[in-house]
Protein backbone atom coordinates (compact mmCIF):
# COMPACT_ATOMS: atom_id res chain seq x y z
CA UNK A 1 0.00 0.00 0.00
CA UNK A 2 1.52 3.31 -1.06
CA UNK A 3 -0.68 6.34 -1.76
CA UNK A 4 -4.43 6.51 -1.63
CA UNK A 5 -6.45 4.20 0.56
CA UNK A 6 -7.33 0.55 0.84
CA UNK A 7 -10.67 -0.94 1.85
CA UNK A 8 -10.58 -4.05 4.03
CA UNK A 9 -13.82 -6.00 4.13
CA UNK A 10 -14.96 -9.39 5.33
CA UNK A 11 -15.75 -12.32 3.03
CA UNK A 12 -19.18 -12.63 4.67
CA UNK A 13 -21.84 -9.96 4.92
CA UNK A 14 -22.10 -8.10 8.20
CA UNK A 15 -23.81 -4.73 8.36
CA UNK A 16 -21.31 -2.95 10.61
CA UNK A 17 -18.49 -3.48 13.12
CA UNK A 18 -20.95 -4.24 15.91
CA UNK A 19 -22.86 -6.96 14.09
CA UNK A 20 -20.34 -9.78 14.55
CA UNK A 21 -17.32 -9.08 16.80
CA UNK A 22 -15.46 -12.15 15.52
CA UNK A 23 -15.65 -10.91 11.93
CA UNK A 24 -14.66 -7.43 13.05
CA UNK A 25 -11.53 -8.79 14.75
CA UNK A 26 -10.39 -10.51 11.55
CA UNK A 27 -10.95 -7.40 9.43
CA UNK A 28 -9.23 -5.04 11.87
CA UNK A 29 -6.30 -7.45 12.23
CA UNK A 30 -5.80 -7.42 8.45
CA UNK A 31 -6.05 -3.64 8.41
CA UNK A 32 -3.38 -3.48 11.14
CA UNK A 33 -1.09 -5.68 9.06
CA UNK A 34 -1.49 -3.31 6.10
CA UNK A 35 -0.80 -0.21 8.17
CA UNK A 36 2.20 -1.64 10.06
CA UNK A 37 4.79 -0.38 7.60
CA UNK A 38 3.54 3.21 7.53
CA UNK A 39 4.47 5.95 9.99
CA UNK A 40 1.03 7.61 9.88
CA UNK A 41 -2.32 6.05 9.00
CA UNK A 42 -6.01 6.63 9.71
CA UNK A 43 -8.13 3.54 10.25
CA UNK A 44 -11.76 4.53 9.64
CA UNK A 45 -15.12 2.77 9.91
CA UNK A 46 -18.61 3.91 10.84
CA UNK A 47 -21.73 2.35 12.34
CA UNK A 48 -25.10 3.89 11.55
CA UNK A 49 -26.24 6.79 9.42
CA UNK A 50 -25.71 9.28 12.25
CA UNK A 51 -22.05 8.23 12.26
CA UNK A 52 -21.80 8.75 8.46
CA UNK A 53 -22.18 5.08 7.48
CA UNK A 54 -23.42 5.09 3.88
CA UNK A 55 -22.50 1.56 2.80
CA UNK A 56 -24.19 -1.02 5.02
CA UNK A 57 -21.55 -3.71 4.69
CA UNK A 58 -18.77 -3.55 7.29
CA UNK A 59 -15.51 -2.26 5.88
CA UNK A 60 -12.47 -0.38 7.12
CA UNK A 61 -10.67 2.40 5.28
CA UNK A 62 -6.88 2.27 5.70
CA UNK A 63 -5.67 5.77 4.77
CA UNK A 64 -1.91 6.47 4.73
CA UNK A 65 -1.15 10.03 5.86
CA UNK A 66 1.70 12.48 5.74
CA UNK A 67 2.24 15.83 7.36
CA UNK A 68 0.42 18.59 5.47
CA UNK A 69 -1.50 16.24 3.15
CA UNK A 70 -4.59 18.42 3.62
CA UNK A 71 -7.05 15.55 4.05
CA UNK A 72 -9.91 17.01 6.09
CA UNK A 73 -11.58 14.64 8.53
CA UNK A 74 -14.89 15.52 10.21
CA UNK A 75 -13.39 15.83 13.69
CA UNK A 76 -10.42 18.04 12.76
CA UNK A 77 -10.19 21.84 12.55
CA UNK A 78 -9.08 21.64 8.90
CA UNK A 79 -12.48 20.12 8.02
CA UNK A 80 -14.28 23.37 8.85
CA UNK A 81 -11.66 25.40 7.00
CA UNK A 82 -12.73 23.99 3.62
CA UNK A 83 -15.73 25.56 1.85
CA UNK A 84 -18.57 23.09 1.36
CA UNK A 85 -17.38 20.79 4.14
CA UNK A 86 -20.24 19.08 5.91
C-alpha atoms as a PDB file:
ATOM      1  CA  UNK A   1       0.000   0.000   0.000  1.00  0.00           C
ATOM      2  CA  UNK A   2       1.520   3.306  -1.057  1.00  0.00           C
ATOM      3  CA  UNK A   3      -0.684   6.335  -1.759  1.00  0.00           C
ATOM      4  CA  UNK A   4      -4.432   6.506  -1.626  1.00  0.00           C
ATOM      5  CA  UNK A   5      -6.445   4.205   0.558  1.00  0.00           C
ATOM      6  CA  UNK A   6      -7.329   0.551   0.844  1.00  0.00           C
ATOM      7  CA  UNK A   7     -10.668  -0.937   1.854  1.00  0.00           C
ATOM      8  CA  UNK A   8     -10.584  -4.046   4.026  1.00  0.00           C
ATOM      9  CA  UNK A   9     -13.824  -6.001   4.132  1.00  0.00           C
ATOM     10  CA  UNK A  10     -14.959  -9.391   5.326  1.00  0.00           C
ATOM     11  CA  UNK A  11     -15.754 -12.317   3.032  1.00  0.00           C
ATOM     12  CA  UNK A  12     -19.178 -12.634   4.665  1.00  0.00           C
ATOM     13  CA  UNK A  13     -21.840  -9.958   4.917  1.00  0.00           C
ATOM     14  CA  UNK A  14     -22.096  -8.095   8.199  1.00  0.00           C
ATOM     15  CA  UNK A  15     -23.814  -4.734   8.363  1.00  0.00           C
ATOM     16  CA  UNK A  16     -21.306  -2.953  10.612  1.00  0.00           C
ATOM     17  CA  UNK A  17     -18.488  -3.483  13.116  1.00  0.00           C
ATOM     18  CA  UNK A  18     -20.951  -4.236  15.910  1.00  0.00           C
ATOM     19  CA  UNK A  19     -22.856  -6.962  14.087  1.00  0.00           C
ATOM     20  CA  UNK A  20     -20.339  -9.783  14.555  1.00  0.00           C
ATOM     21  CA  UNK A  21     -17.321  -9.078  16.795  1.00  0.00           C
ATOM     22  CA  UNK A  22     -15.457 -12.154  15.522  1.00  0.00           C
ATOM     23  CA  UNK A  23     -15.648 -10.913  11.928  1.00  0.00           C
ATOM     24  CA  UNK A  24     -14.664  -7.428  13.055  1.00  0.00           C
ATOM     25  CA  UNK A  25     -11.527  -8.788  14.750  1.00  0.00           C
ATOM     26  CA  UNK A  26     -10.387 -10.506  11.549  1.00  0.00           C
ATOM     27  CA  UNK A  27     -10.946  -7.398   9.425  1.00  0.00           C
ATOM     28  CA  UNK A  28      -9.226  -5.039  11.868  1.00  0.00           C
ATOM     29  CA  UNK A  29      -6.296  -7.447  12.231  1.00  0.00           C
ATOM     30  CA  UNK A  30      -5.799  -7.420   8.452  1.00  0.00           C
ATOM     31  CA  UNK A  31      -6.048  -3.636   8.408  1.00  0.00           C
ATOM     32  CA  UNK A  32      -3.376  -3.481  11.142  1.00  0.00           C
ATOM     33  CA  UNK A  33      -1.094  -5.682   9.057  1.00  0.00           C
ATOM     34  CA  UNK A  34      -1.491  -3.310   6.100  1.00  0.00           C
ATOM     35  CA  UNK A  35      -0.803  -0.212   8.168  1.00  0.00           C
ATOM     36  CA  UNK A  36       2.196  -1.643  10.059  1.00  0.00           C
ATOM     37  CA  UNK A  37       4.791  -0.383   7.597  1.00  0.00           C
ATOM     38  CA  UNK A  38       3.535   3.209   7.532  1.00  0.00           C
ATOM     39  CA  UNK A  39       4.473   5.954   9.987  1.00  0.00           C
ATOM     40  CA  UNK A  40       1.035   7.611   9.881  1.00  0.00           C
ATOM     41  CA  UNK A  41      -2.324   6.047   8.999  1.00  0.00           C
ATOM     42  CA  UNK A  42      -6.010   6.632   9.706  1.00  0.00           C
ATOM     43  CA  UNK A  43      -8.131   3.544  10.253  1.00  0.00           C
ATOM     44  CA  UNK A  44     -11.761   4.530   9.645  1.00  0.00           C
ATOM     45  CA  UNK A  45     -15.121   2.772   9.910  1.00  0.00           C
ATOM     46  CA  UNK A  46     -18.614   3.909  10.836  1.00  0.00           C
ATOM     47  CA  UNK A  47     -21.727   2.347  12.339  1.00  0.00           C
ATOM     48  CA  UNK A  48     -25.096   3.885  11.548  1.00  0.00           C
ATOM     49  CA  UNK A  49     -26.237   6.794   9.418  1.00  0.00           C
ATOM     50  CA  UNK A  50     -25.709   9.277  12.255  1.00  0.00           C
ATOM     51  CA  UNK A  51     -22.045   8.230  12.262  1.00  0.00           C
ATOM     52  CA  UNK A  52     -21.801   8.746   8.462  1.00  0.00           C
ATOM     53  CA  UNK A  53     -22.175   5.081   7.480  1.00  0.00           C
ATOM     54  CA  UNK A  54     -23.424   5.095   3.883  1.00  0.00           C
ATOM     55  CA  UNK A  55     -22.505   1.556   2.805  1.00  0.00           C
ATOM     56  CA  UNK A  56     -24.191  -1.023   5.021  1.00  0.00           C
ATOM     57  CA  UNK A  57     -21.550  -3.706   4.688  1.00  0.00           C
ATOM     58  CA  UNK A  58     -18.772  -3.553   7.286  1.00  0.00           C
ATOM     59  CA  UNK A  59     -15.513  -2.262   5.879  1.00  0.00           C
ATOM     60  CA  UNK A  60     -12.469  -0.384   7.119  1.00  0.00           C
ATOM     61  CA  UNK A  61     -10.671   2.399   5.277  1.00  0.00           C
ATOM     62  CA  UNK A  62      -6.879   2.265   5.697  1.00  0.00           C
ATOM     63  CA  UNK A  63      -5.668   5.766   4.767  1.00  0.00           C
ATOM     64  CA  UNK A  64      -1.912   6.475   4.734  1.00  0.00           C
ATOM     65  CA  UNK A  65      -1.154  10.026   5.864  1.00  0.00           C
ATOM     66  CA  UNK A  66       1.697  12.479   5.737  1.00  0.00           C
ATOM     67  CA  UNK A  67       2.236  15.832   7.359  1.00  0.00           C
ATOM     68  CA  UNK A  68       0.424  18.588   5.469  1.00  0.00           C
ATOM     69  CA  UNK A  69      -1.503  16.238   3.147  1.00  0.00           C
ATOM     70  CA  UNK A  70      -4.591  18.420   3.616  1.00  0.00           C
ATOM     71  CA  UNK A  71      -7.047  15.553   4.048  1.00  0.00           C
ATOM     72  CA  UNK A  72      -9.906  17.007   6.093  1.00  0.00           C
ATOM     73  CA  UNK A  73     -11.582  14.641   8.527  1.00  0.00           C
ATOM     74  CA  UNK A  74     -14.894  15.524  10.212  1.00  0.00           C
ATOM     75  CA  UNK A  75     -13.389  15.827  13.685  1.00  0.00           C
ATOM     76  CA  UNK A  76     -10.420  18.038  12.755  1.00  0.00           C
ATOM     77  CA  UNK A  77     -10.189  21.843  12.553  1.00  0.00           C
ATOM     78  CA  UNK A  78      -9.081  21.642   8.898  1.00  0.00           C
ATOM     79  CA  UNK A  79     -12.485  20.119   8.022  1.00  0.00           C
ATOM     80  CA  UNK A  80     -14.281  23.366   8.851  1.00  0.00           C
ATOM     81  CA  UNK A  81     -11.657  25.404   7.002  1.00  0.00           C
ATOM     82  CA  UNK A  82     -12.732  23.993   3.618  1.00  0.00           C
ATOM     83  CA  UNK A  83     -15.733  25.557   1.851  1.00  0.00           C
ATOM     84  CA  UNK A  84     -18.567  23.090   1.362  1.00  0.00           C
ATOM     85  CA  UNK A  85     -17.378  20.789   4.143  1.00  0.00           C
ATOM     86  CA  UNK A  86     -20.237  19.081   5.906  1.00  0.00           C
END
